[in-house]
Amino acid sequence: METENTTRLQELETSGFIVIPIKGVSMRPLLYTYKSHVMIEKLSGRPEINDVVLYVRDDGTQVLHRIISFDGDVALIRGDNTYSLERVPLEKIKGVAKSFWRSGKENSREISVSDRSYKLYVRFWNFSYPLRKLIFRAKCKLRSIAKRIIKKEN
């Protein structure tokens, strides 16, 4: 029996592109679960820094995250809403996102990765990463302290 993931990769291989709905929160605020769709082209050549790529983890999970940098033939990849890097061999990358859109919005439009507004988003999001990571760590520390206080009171 074929799984959806296997079929998706086969379609990408044969047709050269696929359109997929998004599941998960790791690419927020760019992409939202069940509301966003992405058009992915089959990878031809080496991907570039800032590309959003579809790759397959060792367990077969398909993931859509952004390339931050390279270490030889390994891409360092992170979701826009995550704070750790994943090392992904280039042969695990199957496709690269070419456009995005959200369904259900009145002003919904397809946004190409070559669109000026998208490029500005990428620059801002990468630039703000150190501050966002600091805020994320502070929130985690505060939650931990609050849990200990609540535990002591009970």
C-alpha atoms as a PDB file:
ATOM      1  CA  MET A   1       0.000   0.000   0.000  1.00  0.00           C
ATOM      2  CA  GLU A   2       1.371   3.447  -0.960  1.00  0.00           C
ATOM      3  CA  THR A   3       1.504   6.213   1.572  1.00  0.00           C
ATOM      4  CA  GLU A   4       0.656   9.836   0.807  1.00  0.00           C
ATOM      5  CA  ASN A   5       4.310  10.785   1.322  1.00  0.00           C
ATOM      6  CA  THR A   6       5.579   8.201  -1.165  1.00  0.00           C
ATOM      7  CA  THR A   7       2.985   9.271  -3.718  1.00  0.00           C
ATOM      8  CA  ARG A   8       3.923  12.923  -3.229  1.00  0.00           C
ATOM      9  CA  LEU A   9       7.615  12.241  -3.883  1.00  0.00           C
ATOM     10  CA  GLN A  10       6.773  10.107  -6.924  1.00  0.00           C
ATOM     11  CA  GLU A  11       4.605  12.908  -8.314  1.00  0.00           C
ATOM     12  CA  LEU A  12       7.417  15.405  -7.737  1.00  0.00           C
ATOM     13  CA  GLU A  13       9.815  13.089  -9.550  1.00  0.00           C
ATOM     14  CA  THR A  14       7.548  12.476 -12.547  1.00  0.00           C
ATOM     15  CA  SER A  15       5.817  15.829 -13.052  1.00  0.00           C
ATOM     16  CA  GLY A  16       8.613  18.086 -11.809  1.00  0.00           C
ATOM     17  CA  PHE A  17       6.417  19.945  -9.307  1.00  0.00           C
ATOM     18  CA  ILE A  18       3.778  19.438  -6.623  1.00  0.00           C
ATOM     19  CA  VAL A  19       1.394  21.619  -4.653  1.00  0.00           C
ATOM     20  CA  ILE A  20       1.058  20.625  -1.013  1.00  0.00           C
ATOM     21  CA  PRO A  21      -0.937  21.893   1.976  1.00  0.00           C
ATOM     22  CA  ILE A  22       1.024  22.717   5.102  1.00  0.00           C
ATOM     23  CA  LYS A  23       0.869  20.751   8.350  1.00  0.00           C
ATOM     24  CA  GLY A  24       2.762  22.010  11.377  1.00  0.00           C
ATOM     25  CA  VAL A  25       3.923  25.283  12.922  1.00  0.00           C
ATOM     26  CA  SER A  26       7.651  25.292  12.191  1.00  0.00           C
ATOM     27  CA  MET A  27       7.391  27.730   9.258  1.00  0.00           C
ATOM     28  CA  ARG A  28       5.149  30.348  10.901  1.00  0.00           C
ATOM     29  CA  PRO A  29       4.557  33.222  10.268  1.00  0.00           C
ATOM     30  CA  LEU A  30       5.101  32.481   6.580  1.00  0.00           C
ATOM     31  CA  LEU A  31       3.035  29.278   6.443  1.00  0.00           C
ATOM     32  CA  TYR A  32       0.041  28.145   8.511  1.00  0.00           C
ATOM     33  CA  THR A  33      -1.354  24.646   9.088  1.00  0.00           C
ATOM     34  CA  TYR A  34      -4.202  23.745   6.744  1.00  0.00           C
ATOM     35  CA  LYS A  35      -4.374  27.330   5.429  1.00  0.00           C
ATOM     36  CA  SER A  36      -1.157  27.613   3.413  1.00  0.00           C
ATOM     37  CA  HIS A  37      -0.153  25.829   0.235  1.00  0.00           C
ATOM     38  CA  VAL A  38       3.260  25.608  -1.357  1.00  0.00           C
ATOM     39  CA  MET A  39       4.280  24.915  -4.933  1.00  0.00           C
ATOM     40  CA  ILE A  40       7.478  22.896  -4.914  1.00  0.00           C
ATOM     41  CA  GLU A  41       9.684  22.221  -7.927  1.00  0.00           C
ATOM     42  CA  LYS A  42      11.915  19.198  -8.211  1.00  0.00           C
ATOM     43  CA  LEU A  43      15.436  20.136  -7.216  1.00  0.00           C
ATOM     44  CA  SER A  44      17.769  20.600 -10.152  1.00  0.00           C
ATOM     45  CA  GLY A  45      21.256  21.593  -9.145  1.00  0.00           C
ATOM     46  CA  ARG A  46      22.375  22.843  -5.776  1.00  0.00           C
ATOM     47  CA  PRO A  47      19.879  24.762  -3.624  1.00  0.00           C
ATOM     48  CA  GLU A  48      20.796  28.204  -2.328  1.00  0.00           C
ATOM     49  CA  ILE A  49      20.921  29.823   1.092  1.00  0.00           C
ATOM     50  CA  ASN A  50      17.419  31.044   2.102  1.00  0.00           C
ATOM     51  CA  ASP A  51      15.660  28.511  -0.145  1.00  0.00           C
ATOM     52  CA  VAL A  52      12.722  26.757   1.500  1.00  0.00           C
ATOM     53  CA  VAL A  53      13.300  23.116   0.640  1.00  0.00           C
ATOM     54  CA  LEU A  54      11.449  19.833   0.939  1.00  0.00           C
ATOM     55  CA  TYR A  55      13.676  17.148   2.408  1.00  0.00           C
ATOM     56  CA  VAL A  56      13.210  13.661   3.779  1.00  0.00           C
ATOM     57  CA  ARG A  57      14.438  12.686   7.230  1.00  0.00           C
ATOM     58  CA  ASP A  58      15.846   9.208   7.937  1.00  0.00           C
ATOM     59  CA  ASP A  59      12.471   8.121   9.372  1.00  0.00           C
ATOM     60  CA  GLY A  60      10.727   9.092   6.099  1.00  0.00           C
ATOM     61  CA  THR A  61       9.171  12.297   7.411  1.00  0.00           C
ATOM     62  CA  GLN A  62       8.985  15.040   4.799  1.00  0.00           C
ATOM     63  CA  VAL A  63       9.906  18.488   6.091  1.00  0.00           C
ATOM     64  CA  LEU A  64       9.750  21.980   4.617  1.00  0.00           C
ATOM     65  CA  HIS A  65      12.376  24.293   6.158  1.00  0.00           C
ATOM     66  CA  ARG A  66      14.776  27.060   5.134  1.00  0.00           C
ATOM     67  CA  ILE A  67      18.476  26.616   4.290  1.00  0.00           C
ATOM     68  CA  ILE A  68      20.562  28.825   6.583  1.00  0.00           C
ATOM     69  CA  SER A  69      24.049  27.841   5.396  1.00  0.00           C
ATOM     70  CA  PHE A  70      26.172  24.993   4.055  1.00  0.00           C
ATOM     71  CA  ASP A  71      28.918  22.845   5.505  1.00  0.00           C
ATOM     72  CA  GLY A  72      30.318  21.152   2.408  1.00  0.00           C
ATOM     73  CA  ASP A  73      27.632  18.822   1.037  1.00  0.00           C
ATOM     74  CA  VAL A  74      25.438  19.286   4.102  1.00  0.00           C
ATOM     75  CA  ALA A  75      22.784  21.998   4.363  1.00  0.00           C
ATOM     76  CA  LEU A  76      22.153  23.596   7.747  1.00  0.00           C
ATOM     77  CA  ILE A  77      18.379  23.965   7.843  1.00  0.00           C
ATOM     78  CA  ARG A  78      15.926  25.556  10.272  1.00  0.00           C
ATOM     79  CA  GLY A  79      12.210  26.280  10.281  1.00  0.00           C
ATOM     80  CA  ASP A  80      11.267  29.969  10.513  1.00  0.00           C
ATOM     81  CA  ASN A  81       9.593  29.234  13.867  1.00  0.00           C
ATOM     82  CA  THR A  82      12.303  26.973  15.313  1.00  0.00           C
ATOM     83  CA  TYR A  83      15.591  27.663  17.053  1.00  0.00           C
ATOM     84  CA  SER A  84      17.833  24.717  16.281  1.00  0.00           C
ATOM     85  CA  LEU A  85      19.647  23.741  13.115  1.00  0.00           C
ATOM     86  CA  GLU A  86      19.284  20.408  11.391  1.00  0.00           C
ATOM     87  CA  ARG A  87      22.127  18.998   9.308  1.00  0.00           C
ATOM     88  CA  VAL A  88      20.702  17.641   6.053  1.00  0.00           C
ATOM     89  CA  PRO A  89      22.838  15.939   3.385  1.00  0.00           C
ATOM     90  CA  LEU A  90      22.082  17.474  -0.022  1.00  0.00           C
ATOM     91  CA  GLU A  91      20.895  14.127  -1.417  1.00  0.00           C
ATOM     92  CA  LYS A  92      17.984  14.205   1.071  1.00  0.00           C
ATOM     93  CA  ILE A  93      16.667  17.466  -0.432  1.00  0.00           C
ATOM     94  CA  LYS A  94      14.005  16.654  -3.013  1.00  0.00           C
ATOM     95  CA  GLY A  95      12.526  20.004  -4.000  1.00  0.00           C
ATOM     96  CA  VAL A  96      12.553  23.744  -3.547  1.00  0.00           C
ATOM     97  CA  ALA A  97       9.567  26.008  -2.886  1.00  0.00           C
ATOM     98  CA  LYS A  98       8.734  28.421  -5.704  1.00  0.00           C
ATOM     99  CA  SER A  99       5.542  30.056  -4.409  1.00  0.00           C
ATOM    100  CA  PHE A 100       3.146  30.192  -1.439  1.00  0.00           C
ATOM    101  CA  TRP A 101      -0.463  31.183  -0.814  1.00  0.00           C
ATOM    102  CA  ARG A 102      -3.111  30.990   1.896  1.00  0.00           C
ATOM    103  CA  SER A 103      -6.578  29.704   1.223  1.00  0.00           C
ATOM    104  CA  GLY A 104      -9.619  31.290   2.830  1.00  0.00           C
ATOM    105  CA  LYS A 105      -8.284  34.848   2.837  1.00  0.00           C
ATOM    106  CA  GLU A 106     -10.130  37.502   0.845  1.00  0.00           C
ATOM    107  CA  ASN A 107      -6.908  39.077  -0.363  1.00  0.00           C
ATOM    108  CA  SER A 108      -5.124  35.745  -0.845  1.00  0.00           C
ATOM    109  CA  ARG A 109      -2.612  35.802  -3.652  1.00  0.00           C
ATOM    110  CA  GLU A 110       0.225  33.634  -4.782  1.00  0.00           C
ATOM    111  CA  ILE A 111       3.575  34.935  -3.590  1.00  0.00           C
ATOM    112  CA  SER A 112       6.581  33.933  -5.635  1.00  0.00           C
ATOM    113  CA  VAL A 113       9.961  33.466  -3.988  1.00  0.00           C
ATOM    114  CA  SER A 114      11.205  36.108  -6.432  1.00  0.00           C
ATOM    115  CA  ASP A 115       8.587  38.608  -5.159  1.00  0.00           C
ATOM    116  CA  ARG A 116      10.070  41.697  -3.521  1.00  0.00           C
ATOM    117  CA  SER A 117       7.854  41.424  -0.423  1.00  0.00           C
ATOM    118  CA  TYR A 118       8.956  37.820   0.125  1.00  0.00           C
ATOM    119  CA  LYS A 119      12.632  38.756  -0.162  1.00  0.00           C
ATOM    120  CA  LEU A 120      12.113  41.537   2.402  1.00  0.00           C
ATOM    121  CA  TYR A 121      10.408  39.056   4.752  1.00  0.00           C
ATOM    122  CA  VAL A 122      13.361  36.649   4.457  1.00  0.00           C
ATOM    123  CA  ARG A 123      15.902  39.392   5.143  1.00  0.00           C
ATOM    124  CA  PHE A 124      13.957  40.684   8.161  1.00  0.00           C
ATOM    125  CA  TRP A 125      13.299  37.205   9.561  1.00  0.00           C
ATOM    126  CA  ASN A 126      16.954  36.181   9.304  1.00  0.00           C
ATOM    127  CA  PHE A 127      18.151  39.508  10.701  1.00  0.00           C
ATOM    128  CA  SER A 128      15.808  39.272  13.697  1.00  0.00           C
ATOM    129  CA  TYR A 129      16.750  35.658  14.524  1.00  0.00           C
ATOM    130  CA  PRO A 130      19.199  36.460  17.388  1.00  0.00           C
ATOM    131  CA  LEU A 131      16.625  38.665  19.118  1.00  0.00           C
ATOM    132  CA  ARG A 132      13.799  36.144  18.554  1.00  0.00           C
ATOM    133  CA  LYS A 133      16.006  33.365  19.968  1.00  0.00           C
ATOM    134  CA  LEU A 134      16.822  35.450  23.041  1.00  0.00           C
ATOM    135  CA  ILE A 135      13.119  36.168  23.646  1.00  0.00           C
ATOM    136  CA  PHE A 136      12.280  32.479  23.148  1.00  0.00           C
ATOM    137  CA  ARG A 137      14.887  31.412  25.720  1.00  0.00           C
ATOM    138  CA  ALA A 138      13.691  34.049  28.191  1.00  0.00           C
ATOM    139  CA  LYS A 139      10.082  32.842  27.828  1.00  0.00           C
ATOM    140  CA  CYS A 140      11.176  29.244  28.427  1.00  0.00           C
ATOM    141  CA  LYS A 141      13.137  30.255  31.531  1.00  0.00           C
ATOM    142  CA  LEU A 142      10.185  32.254  32.893  1.00  0.00           C
ATOM    143  CA  ARG A 143       7.826  29.302  32.320  1.00  0.00           C
ATOM    144  CA  SER A 144      10.244  27.024  34.153  1.00  0.00           C
ATOM    145  CA  ILE A 145      10.428  29.421  37.112  1.00  0.00           C
ATOM    146  CA  ALA A 146       6.628  29.817  37.174  1.00  0.00           C
ATOM    147  CA  LYS A 147       6.155  26.014  37.191  1.00  0.00           C
ATOM    148  CA  ARG A 148       8.553  25.653  40.135  1.00  0.00           C
ATOM    149  CA  ILE A 149       6.732  28.383  42.073  1.00  0.00           C
ATOM    150  CA  ILE A 150       3.333  26.788  41.396  1.00  0.00           C
ATOM    151  CA  LYS A 151       4.701  23.356  42.385  1.00  0.00           C
ATOM    152  CA  LYS A 152       6.016  24.748  45.715  1.00  0.00           C
ATOM    153  CA  GLU A 153       2.644  26.364  46.483  1.00  0.00           C
ATOM    154  CA  ASN A 154       0.788  23.078  46.024  1.00  0.00           C
END
